[in-house]
Amino acid sequence: FAIFAVLVLTLTFFGKLPLGIAGAVPLLMVIGAILGYIGDRMPIVKDYFGGGAIVILFGSASLVLFQVLPKPAIETVSYFMNRTGFLDFALATLITGSLFGTDRKTLLAACLRYVPAIIAAQIVGLIAVAAVGALIGYGWKEAILYIGLPAMGGGIAAGAIPMSKMFGEAMKQDPKTIFSTMVSAVALANAMAILGGGLMDRLGKIKPEWTGNGQLLAVKSDKKIDEDDREDSPSDVKQYGVGILVSLCVLFAGYLVMKFVPAVHAYAWMVIIAVLIKISGILPKTIEDAGFHWSQLCVKNFLGMLLAGLGIAMVDLQAVLNALSLNYVILVGTVVISSCVAASVVGQLMGFNPIESGMTVGLCSTDIGGSCALAIHSAAQWM
């Protein structure tokens, strides 16, 4: 590995890294492997903050902030992550595979119980940040509009950008000024949510009765219901090819539906379609298994690469650092923590394990989007 790493990094710093996938993938695999190895062995970080996943994500973002990586390498990675459709490919693989690998009855039960936990997380998060904003002199309206809503609003493209335009027009203010405030809330809440994933995993080790170790529903069983008696690898490697095709076709179906219902993003439609396919049993089990096996292969081999790419191309560490005033941190932390606690409490009432509910509903309500939900789950080591 050392020889491979030296070769890749030498080419990178000489500015000779190939463009596109041929250059981005080896560089991200090397960075992900090195930072992951370090993070999994760092005291405190490995026990409380998610270990390798956290270090890969924020370590790679630091390489950009401190200008360690050459600009051409950053541009190559950013192009690969944002312009080639790689994130679509990765999310389709991981989401479809995880849903196809879930027990049908468990999936149906979980979907019906999620709604109260989601509503509770949103309402309690906004009430809490309004109350704290009033107490510390920030203003309850400002706390809701500039921190609470963007933190829980779906990230930057789907949340902060349209919100800043709408608020700017309504209040006759410059949308750019509003956006700069909102994007800091989004970035900081996202960072806190990822760190929260690691802390939730640690809390589960301290309070094992609160967690199912990645199993959402609180059922008394020795069997991991999300594995559905599947093998870790397929009997025929051709199944990986089937898994690629079925995952992308579910994504394409999401884009097709979005053409007719554009108010809902294709990713959301993809999740809904995958759930309906799984619940209905319309696909042969061999094809479901193929999607599951392909996602497992990607999780085990390419997750570090994906996190490194997200850190370099999508985590603005400077925006997070710029937001680190005490009051601002308190308000953003209030949103993240209160949403997580509300989702845990209501989730437990709905039959979920409270830690899993707090993470998948509460923390994932305050991240930037699907890609960063992967980082939260990685930090909790529950991929």
Protein backbone atom coordinates (compact mmCIF):
# COMPACT_ATOMS: atom_id res chain seq x y z
CA PHE A 1 0.00 0.00 0.00
CA ALA A 2 2.85 2.40 0.82
CA ILE A 3 4.27 1.97 -2.69
CA PHE A 4 0.85 2.56 -4.25
CA ALA A 5 0.25 5.62 -2.05
CA VAL A 6 3.62 7.19 -2.86
CA LEU A 7 3.00 6.68 -6.58
CA VAL A 8 -0.46 8.28 -6.46
CA LEU A 9 0.60 11.20 -4.23
CA THR A 10 3.75 11.87 -6.27
CA LEU A 11 1.70 12.16 -9.43
CA THR A 12 -0.78 14.37 -7.55
CA PHE A 13 1.80 16.88 -6.31
CA PHE A 14 3.58 16.99 -9.65
CA GLY A 15 0.28 18.06 -11.18
CA LYS A 16 0.10 15.02 -13.44
CA LEU A 17 -3.00 13.39 -11.95
CA PRO A 18 -5.23 12.12 -14.78
CA LEU A 19 -8.55 13.89 -15.15
CA GLY A 20 -11.87 12.29 -14.27
CA ILE A 21 -12.38 8.90 -12.70
CA ALA A 22 -8.85 7.64 -13.49
CA GLY A 23 -7.31 10.33 -11.31
CA ALA A 24 -9.97 10.97 -8.67
CA VAL A 25 -10.62 7.37 -7.61
CA PRO A 26 -7.01 6.34 -6.78
CA LEU A 27 -6.37 9.63 -4.96
CA LEU A 28 -9.57 9.35 -2.89
CA MET A 29 -8.90 5.68 -2.09
CA VAL A 30 -5.41 6.54 -0.82
CA ILE A 31 -6.57 9.54 1.23
CA GLY A 32 -9.53 7.59 2.62
CA ALA A 33 -7.37 4.61 3.57
CA ILE A 34 -4.71 6.72 5.32
CA LEU A 35 -7.11 8.96 7.24
CA GLY A 36 -9.38 6.02 8.10
CA TYR A 37 -6.44 4.05 9.48
CA ILE A 38 -5.42 7.02 11.63
CA GLY A 39 -8.95 7.77 12.83
CA ASP A 40 -9.67 4.19 13.86
CA ARG A 41 -6.64 4.31 16.17
CA MET A 42 -6.94 7.80 17.68
CA PRO A 43 -7.83 7.83 21.40
CA ILE A 44 -11.14 9.54 22.22
CA VAL A 45 -11.92 10.04 18.52
CA LYS A 46 -12.31 6.31 17.89
CA ASP A 47 -14.49 5.87 20.97
CA TYR A 48 -16.61 9.01 21.00
CA PHE A 49 -16.57 10.70 17.59
CA GLY A 50 -16.91 7.96 15.00
CA GLY A 51 -13.25 7.12 14.43
CA GLY A 52 -12.14 6.73 10.85
CA ALA A 53 -15.28 8.09 9.21
CA ILE A 54 -15.06 11.44 11.03
CA VAL A 55 -11.32 11.79 10.42
CA ILE A 56 -11.72 10.98 6.71
CA LEU A 57 -14.52 13.52 6.25
CA PHE A 58 -13.05 16.45 8.17
CA GLY A 59 -9.42 15.51 7.54
CA SER A 60 -9.93 15.62 3.78
CA ALA A 61 -11.80 18.94 4.16
CA SER A 62 -8.79 20.25 6.10
CA LEU A 63 -6.52 19.33 3.19
CA VAL A 64 -8.50 21.85 1.14
CA LEU A 65 -8.74 24.53 3.84
CA PHE A 66 -4.98 24.51 4.51
CA GLN A 67 -4.15 24.18 0.81
CA VAL A 68 -2.27 20.91 1.25
CA LEU A 69 -3.74 19.43 -1.91
CA PRO A 70 -2.79 21.13 -5.20
CA LYS A 71 -5.58 23.09 -6.85
CA PRO A 72 -5.72 20.79 -9.94
CA ALA A 73 -6.28 17.77 -7.66
CA ILE A 74 -9.12 19.55 -5.83
CA GLU A 75 -10.68 20.51 -9.16
CA THR A 76 -10.41 16.91 -10.40
CA VAL A 77 -12.09 15.55 -7.26
CA SER A 78 -14.77 18.26 -7.27
CA TYR A 79 -15.58 17.58 -10.90
CA PHE A 80 -15.76 13.84 -10.21
CA MET A 81 -18.03 14.25 -7.19
CA ASN A 82 -20.31 17.00 -8.55
CA ARG A 83 -20.37 16.75 -12.34
CA THR A 84 -20.03 13.08 -13.28
CA GLY A 85 -23.11 11.75 -11.49
CA PHE A 86 -21.00 9.75 -9.05
CA LEU A 87 -23.11 10.83 -6.06
CA ASP A 88 -26.26 9.73 -7.88
CA PHE A 89 -24.57 6.40 -8.54
CA ALA A 90 -23.40 5.98 -4.93
CA LEU A 91 -26.70 7.01 -3.33
CA ALA A 92 -28.70 4.78 -5.67
CA THR A 93 -26.45 1.86 -4.78
CA LEU A 94 -26.53 2.37 -1.01
CA ILE A 95 -30.19 3.34 -0.63
CA THR A 96 -31.64 0.69 -2.95
CA GLY A 97 -29.34 -2.01 -1.60
CA SER A 98 -30.11 -1.24 2.03
CA LEU A 99 -33.87 -1.24 1.42
CA PHE A 100 -33.73 -4.44 -0.61
CA GLY A 101 -31.73 -5.99 2.22
CA THR A 102 -34.35 -5.14 4.84
CA ASP A 103 -36.96 -7.59 6.03
CA ARG A 104 -40.29 -6.80 4.28
CA LYS A 105 -42.45 -6.84 7.44
CA THR A 106 -39.93 -4.72 9.33
CA LEU A 107 -39.82 -2.16 6.54
CA LEU A 108 -43.60 -1.82 6.41
CA ALA A 109 -43.85 -1.42 10.18
CA ALA A 110 -41.04 1.16 10.27
CA CYS A 111 -42.51 3.34 7.50
CA LEU A 112 -45.86 3.68 9.23
CA ARG A 113 -44.24 4.60 12.55
CA TYR A 114 -41.75 7.13 11.22
CA VAL A 115 -44.22 9.99 10.64
CA PRO A 116 -44.90 10.91 14.32
CA ALA A 117 -41.18 10.84 15.10
CA ILE A 118 -40.40 13.10 12.12
CA ILE A 119 -43.11 15.62 13.05
CA ALA A 120 -41.96 15.66 16.67
CA ALA A 121 -38.33 16.26 15.69
CA GLN A 122 -39.25 19.22 13.48
CA ILE A 123 -41.68 20.89 15.89
CA VAL A 124 -39.57 20.45 19.03
CA GLY A 125 -36.43 21.60 17.20
CA LEU A 126 -38.07 24.88 16.13
CA ILE A 127 -39.70 25.53 19.52
CA ALA A 128 -36.43 24.87 21.35
CA VAL A 129 -34.30 27.15 19.15
CA ALA A 130 -36.94 29.91 19.41
CA ALA A 131 -36.93 29.68 23.22
CA VAL A 132 -33.13 29.69 23.49
CA GLY A 133 -32.88 32.50 20.92
CA ALA A 134 -35.21 34.64 23.04
CA LEU A 135 -33.29 33.84 26.24
CA ILE A 136 -29.83 34.75 24.93
CA GLY A 137 -30.99 37.89 23.12
CA TYR A 138 -30.65 36.63 19.55
CA GLY A 139 -34.40 36.91 18.96
CA TRP A 140 -36.90 34.08 18.65
CA LYS A 141 -37.98 34.97 15.11
CA GLU A 142 -34.40 35.30 13.91
CA ALA A 143 -33.51 31.99 15.55
CA ILE A 144 -36.31 30.21 13.69
CA LEU A 145 -35.78 31.91 10.31
CA TYR A 146 -31.98 32.02 10.12
CA ILE A 147 -30.98 28.95 12.13
CA GLY A 148 -33.83 26.52 12.82
CA LEU A 149 -35.42 26.35 9.37
CA PRO A 150 -32.20 26.19 7.30
CA ALA A 151 -30.62 23.66 9.69
CA MET A 152 -33.61 21.35 9.17
CA GLY A 153 -34.46 22.48 5.64
CA GLY A 154 -32.70 19.95 3.44
CA GLY A 155 -29.22 21.42 3.04
CA ILE A 156 -27.99 24.18 0.74
CA ALA A 157 -29.45 23.64 -2.74
CA ALA A 158 -32.84 22.42 -1.51
CA GLY A 159 -32.97 24.52 1.66
CA ALA A 160 -30.75 27.56 2.22
CA ILE A 161 -30.76 28.87 -1.37
CA PRO A 162 -34.56 28.91 -1.95
CA MET A 163 -35.20 30.03 1.65
CA SER A 164 -32.83 32.99 1.34
CA LYS A 165 -34.56 34.08 -1.87
CA MET A 166 -38.04 33.74 -0.38
CA PHE A 167 -37.12 35.50 2.88
CA GLY A 168 -35.24 38.24 1.02
CA GLU A 169 -38.23 39.03 -1.17
CA ALA A 170 -40.68 38.91 1.75
CA MET A 171 -38.55 41.08 4.09
CA LYS A 172 -36.99 43.27 1.34
CA GLN A 173 -33.45 42.31 2.29
CA ASP A 174 -30.46 41.18 0.26
CA PRO A 175 -30.80 37.39 -0.24
CA LYS A 176 -26.98 37.09 -0.29
CA THR A 177 -26.73 38.45 3.27
CA ILE A 178 -29.45 36.07 4.46
CA PHE A 179 -27.82 33.16 2.63
CA SER A 180 -24.41 33.76 4.28
CA THR A 181 -26.09 33.47 7.69
CA MET A 182 -28.10 30.42 6.70
CA VAL A 183 -25.23 28.51 5.09
CA SER A 184 -23.22 28.76 8.32
CA ALA A 185 -26.15 27.22 10.22
CA VAL A 186 -26.45 24.46 7.63
CA ALA A 187 -22.73 23.69 7.71
CA LEU A 188 -22.42 23.76 11.49
CA ALA A 189 -25.58 21.68 12.06
CA ASN A 190 -24.30 19.15 9.55
CA ALA A 191 -20.95 18.90 11.35
CA MET A 192 -22.68 18.49 14.71
CA ALA A 193 -25.00 15.83 13.30
CA ILE A 194 -22.05 13.81 11.98
CA LEU A 195 -20.25 14.07 15.32
CA GLY A 196 -23.56 13.13 16.95
CA GLY A 197 -23.59 9.88 15.00
CA GLY A 198 -20.38 8.80 16.71
CA LEU A 199 -21.63 9.95 20.12
CA MET A 200 -24.90 8.03 19.68
CA ASP A 201 -22.93 4.87 19.00
CA ARG A 202 -20.92 5.49 22.16
CA LEU A 203 -24.10 6.14 24.17
CA GLY A 204 -25.45 2.82 22.94
CA LYS A 205 -22.42 1.07 24.39
CA ILE A 206 -22.99 2.79 27.74
CA LYS A 207 -26.75 2.15 27.67
CA PRO A 208 -27.17 -1.08 25.66
CA GLU A 209 -30.88 -1.25 26.53
CA TRP A 210 -31.42 1.91 24.45
CA THR A 211 -30.04 0.52 21.20
CA GLY A 212 -30.53 -2.33 18.77
CA ASN A 213 -26.95 -1.91 17.46
CA GLY A 214 -28.22 -0.59 14.16
CA GLN A 215 -31.59 -2.38 14.26
CA LEU A 216 -34.38 0.17 14.16
CA LEU A 217 -37.37 -1.71 15.57
CA ALA A 218 -37.25 -2.77 19.20
CA VAL A 219 -37.86 -6.50 18.74
CA LYS A 220 -36.70 -9.32 20.96
CA SER A 221 -34.80 -11.54 18.61
CA ASP A 222 -31.35 -13.03 18.26
CA LYS A 223 -31.57 -12.47 14.51
CA LYS A 224 -30.49 -9.26 12.79
CA ILE A 225 -33.65 -8.60 10.84
CA ASP A 226 -32.02 -6.27 8.34
CA GLU A 227 -29.81 -9.08 7.03
CA ASP A 228 -32.76 -11.25 6.01
CA ASP A 229 -30.65 -14.44 6.03
CA ARG A 230 -28.51 -13.28 3.11
CA GLU A 231 -24.89 -14.18 2.49
CA ASP A 232 -22.32 -11.37 2.45
CA SER A 233 -21.34 -12.17 -1.14
CA PRO A 234 -23.24 -13.63 -4.11
CA SER A 235 -22.69 -17.13 -5.42
CA ASP A 236 -22.26 -15.71 -8.94
CA VAL A 237 -20.26 -12.52 -9.55
CA LYS A 238 -22.68 -11.64 -12.37
CA GLN A 239 -25.09 -10.62 -9.60
CA TYR A 240 -22.97 -7.51 -9.05
CA GLY A 241 -23.81 -6.40 -12.58
CA VAL A 242 -27.48 -7.05 -11.96
CA GLY A 243 -27.21 -5.05 -8.74
CA ILE A 244 -25.73 -2.04 -10.57
CA LEU A 245 -28.51 -2.06 -13.15
CA VAL A 246 -31.41 -2.50 -10.73
CA SER A 247 -30.07 0.23 -8.40
CA LEU A 248 -29.74 2.76 -11.21
CA CYS A 249 -33.12 1.82 -12.67
CA VAL A 250 -34.78 2.60 -9.33
CA LEU A 251 -33.02 5.99 -9.43
CA PHE A 252 -34.18 6.54 -13.03
CA ALA A 253 -37.72 5.73 -11.96
CA GLY A 254 -37.37 8.46 -9.33
CA TYR A 255 -36.28 10.98 -11.96
CA LEU A 256 -39.17 9.93 -14.20
CA VAL A 257 -41.75 10.51 -11.47
CA MET A 258 -40.11 13.87 -10.63
CA LYS A 259 -40.89 14.98 -14.20
CA PHE A 260 -44.56 14.81 -13.28
CA VAL A 261 -44.26 15.82 -9.61
CA PRO A 262 -41.26 18.20 -9.55
CA ALA A 263 -41.97 19.46 -6.02
CA VAL A 264 -40.47 16.24 -4.62
CA HIS A 265 -36.82 15.42 -5.40
CA ALA A 266 -35.86 12.31 -7.36
CA TYR A 267 -33.97 10.94 -4.34
CA ALA A 268 -37.17 10.99 -2.28
CA TRP A 269 -39.08 9.28 -5.09
CA MET A 270 -36.27 6.72 -5.33
CA VAL A 271 -36.71 5.84 -1.66
CA ILE A 272 -40.49 5.61 -2.01
CA ILE A 273 -40.22 3.44 -5.14
CA ALA A 274 -37.65 1.12 -3.54
CA VAL A 275 -39.87 0.75 -0.46
CA LEU A 276 -42.91 -0.04 -2.59
CA ILE A 277 -40.94 -2.59 -4.62
CA LYS A 278 -39.73 -4.28 -1.44
CA ILE A 279 -43.12 -4.27 0.30
CA SER A 280 -44.99 -5.52 -2.78
CA GLY A 281 -42.46 -8.26 -3.53
CA ILE A 282 -42.82 -7.51 -7.24
CA LEU A 283 -39.16 -8.27 -7.99
CA PRO A 284 -37.77 -11.82 -7.83
CA LYS A 285 -35.71 -12.42 -4.70
CA THR A 286 -32.60 -13.02 -6.80
CA ILE A 287 -32.76 -9.46 -8.13
CA GLU A 288 -33.38 -8.00 -4.67
CA ASP A 289 -30.37 -9.98 -3.43
CA ALA A 290 -28.28 -8.66 -6.32
CA GLY A 291 -29.01 -5.05 -5.32
CA PHE A 292 -28.18 -5.87 -1.71
CA HIS A 293 -24.89 -7.64 -2.56
CA TRP A 294 -23.75 -4.81 -4.82
CA SER A 295 -24.37 -2.25 -2.05
CA GLN A 296 -22.41 -4.37 0.43
CA LEU A 297 -19.47 -4.57 -1.95
CA CYS A 298 -19.48 -0.77 -2.28
CA VAL A 299 -19.77 -0.19 1.48
CA LYS A 300 -16.82 -2.45 2.22
CA ASN A 301 -14.55 -1.17 -0.54
CA PHE A 302 -15.50 2.38 -1.49
CA LEU A 303 -16.97 4.04 1.60
CA GLY A 304 -13.65 5.65 2.60
CA MET A 305 -13.25 6.96 -0.94
CA LEU A 306 -16.78 8.40 -0.87
CA LEU A 307 -16.23 10.15 2.47
CA ALA A 308 -12.91 11.62 1.28
CA GLY A 309 -14.63 12.94 -1.83
CA LEU A 310 -17.41 14.51 0.24
CA GLY A 311 -14.84 16.16 2.50
CA ILE A 312 -12.85 17.64 -0.38
CA ALA A 313 -15.72 18.66 -2.64
CA MET A 314 -18.70 19.35 -0.39
CA VAL A 315 -17.68 20.18 3.21
CA ASP A 316 -16.88 23.90 3.56
CA LEU A 317 -14.78 23.82 6.71
CA GLN A 318 -14.21 27.57 6.56
CA ALA A 319 -17.97 28.19 6.76
CA VAL A 320 -18.12 25.99 9.85
CA LEU A 321 -15.21 27.84 11.48
CA ASN A 322 -16.70 31.23 10.62
CA ALA A 323 -19.85 30.29 12.52
CA LEU A 324 -18.11 29.44 15.76
CA SER A 325 -19.39 32.28 17.95
CA LEU A 326 -20.70 31.04 21.29
CA ASN A 327 -24.33 32.10 20.77
CA TYR A 328 -24.44 30.70 17.26
CA VAL A 329 -23.00 27.36 18.37
CA ILE A 330 -25.52 27.21 21.24
CA LEU A 331 -28.45 27.85 18.89
CA VAL A 332 -27.37 25.34 16.25
CA GLY A 333 -26.60 22.80 18.96
CA THR A 334 -30.07 23.38 20.39
CA VAL A 335 -31.67 22.47 17.05
CA VAL A 336 -29.59 19.32 16.61
CA ILE A 337 -29.90 18.06 20.19
CA SER A 338 -33.60 18.84 20.66
CA SER A 339 -34.51 17.21 17.34
CA CYS A 340 -32.52 14.13 18.28
CA VAL A 341 -34.05 13.88 21.77
CA ALA A 342 -37.60 14.38 20.48
CA ALA A 343 -37.12 11.74 17.79
CA SER A 344 -35.68 9.34 20.38
CA VAL A 345 -38.57 9.79 22.82
CA VAL A 346 -41.39 9.64 20.25
CA GLY A 347 -39.59 6.91 18.34
CA GLN A 348 -39.48 4.77 21.46
CA LEU A 349 -43.21 5.29 21.93
CA MET A 350 -43.70 4.10 18.35
CA GLY A 351 -41.72 0.91 18.96
CA PHE A 352 -38.26 1.98 17.78
CA ASN A 353 -35.00 1.68 19.64
CA PRO A 354 -34.50 5.25 20.91
CA ILE A 355 -30.89 5.68 19.79
CA GLU A 356 -31.59 4.45 16.28
CA SER A 357 -34.67 6.66 16.06
CA GLY A 358 -32.78 9.68 17.36
CA MET A 359 -30.10 9.21 14.75
CA THR A 360 -32.11 8.28 11.65
CA VAL A 361 -34.87 10.83 12.33
CA GLY A 362 -33.33 13.54 14.54
CA LEU A 363 -29.74 13.80 13.33
CA CYS A 364 -30.62 13.10 9.72
CA SER A 365 -33.14 15.96 9.87
CA THR A 366 -30.25 18.38 10.45
CA ASP A 367 -27.73 17.17 7.89
CA ILE A 368 -27.11 18.59 4.42
CA GLY A 369 -28.69 15.68 2.56
CA GLY A 370 -28.40 12.07 1.54
CA SER A 371 -24.65 12.09 1.12
CA CYS A 372 -24.10 13.45 4.63
CA ALA A 373 -26.64 11.01 6.05
CA LEU A 374 -24.13 8.40 4.89
CA ALA A 375 -21.47 10.19 6.95
CA ILE A 376 -23.72 10.13 10.04
CA HIS A 377 -24.34 6.41 9.67
CA SER A 378 -20.63 5.83 9.03
CA ALA A 379 -19.73 7.75 12.17
CA ALA A 380 -22.07 5.47 14.13
CA GLN A 381 -20.54 2.46 12.32
CA TRP A 382 -24.06 1.41 11.26
CA MET A 383 -23.74 1.43 7.48
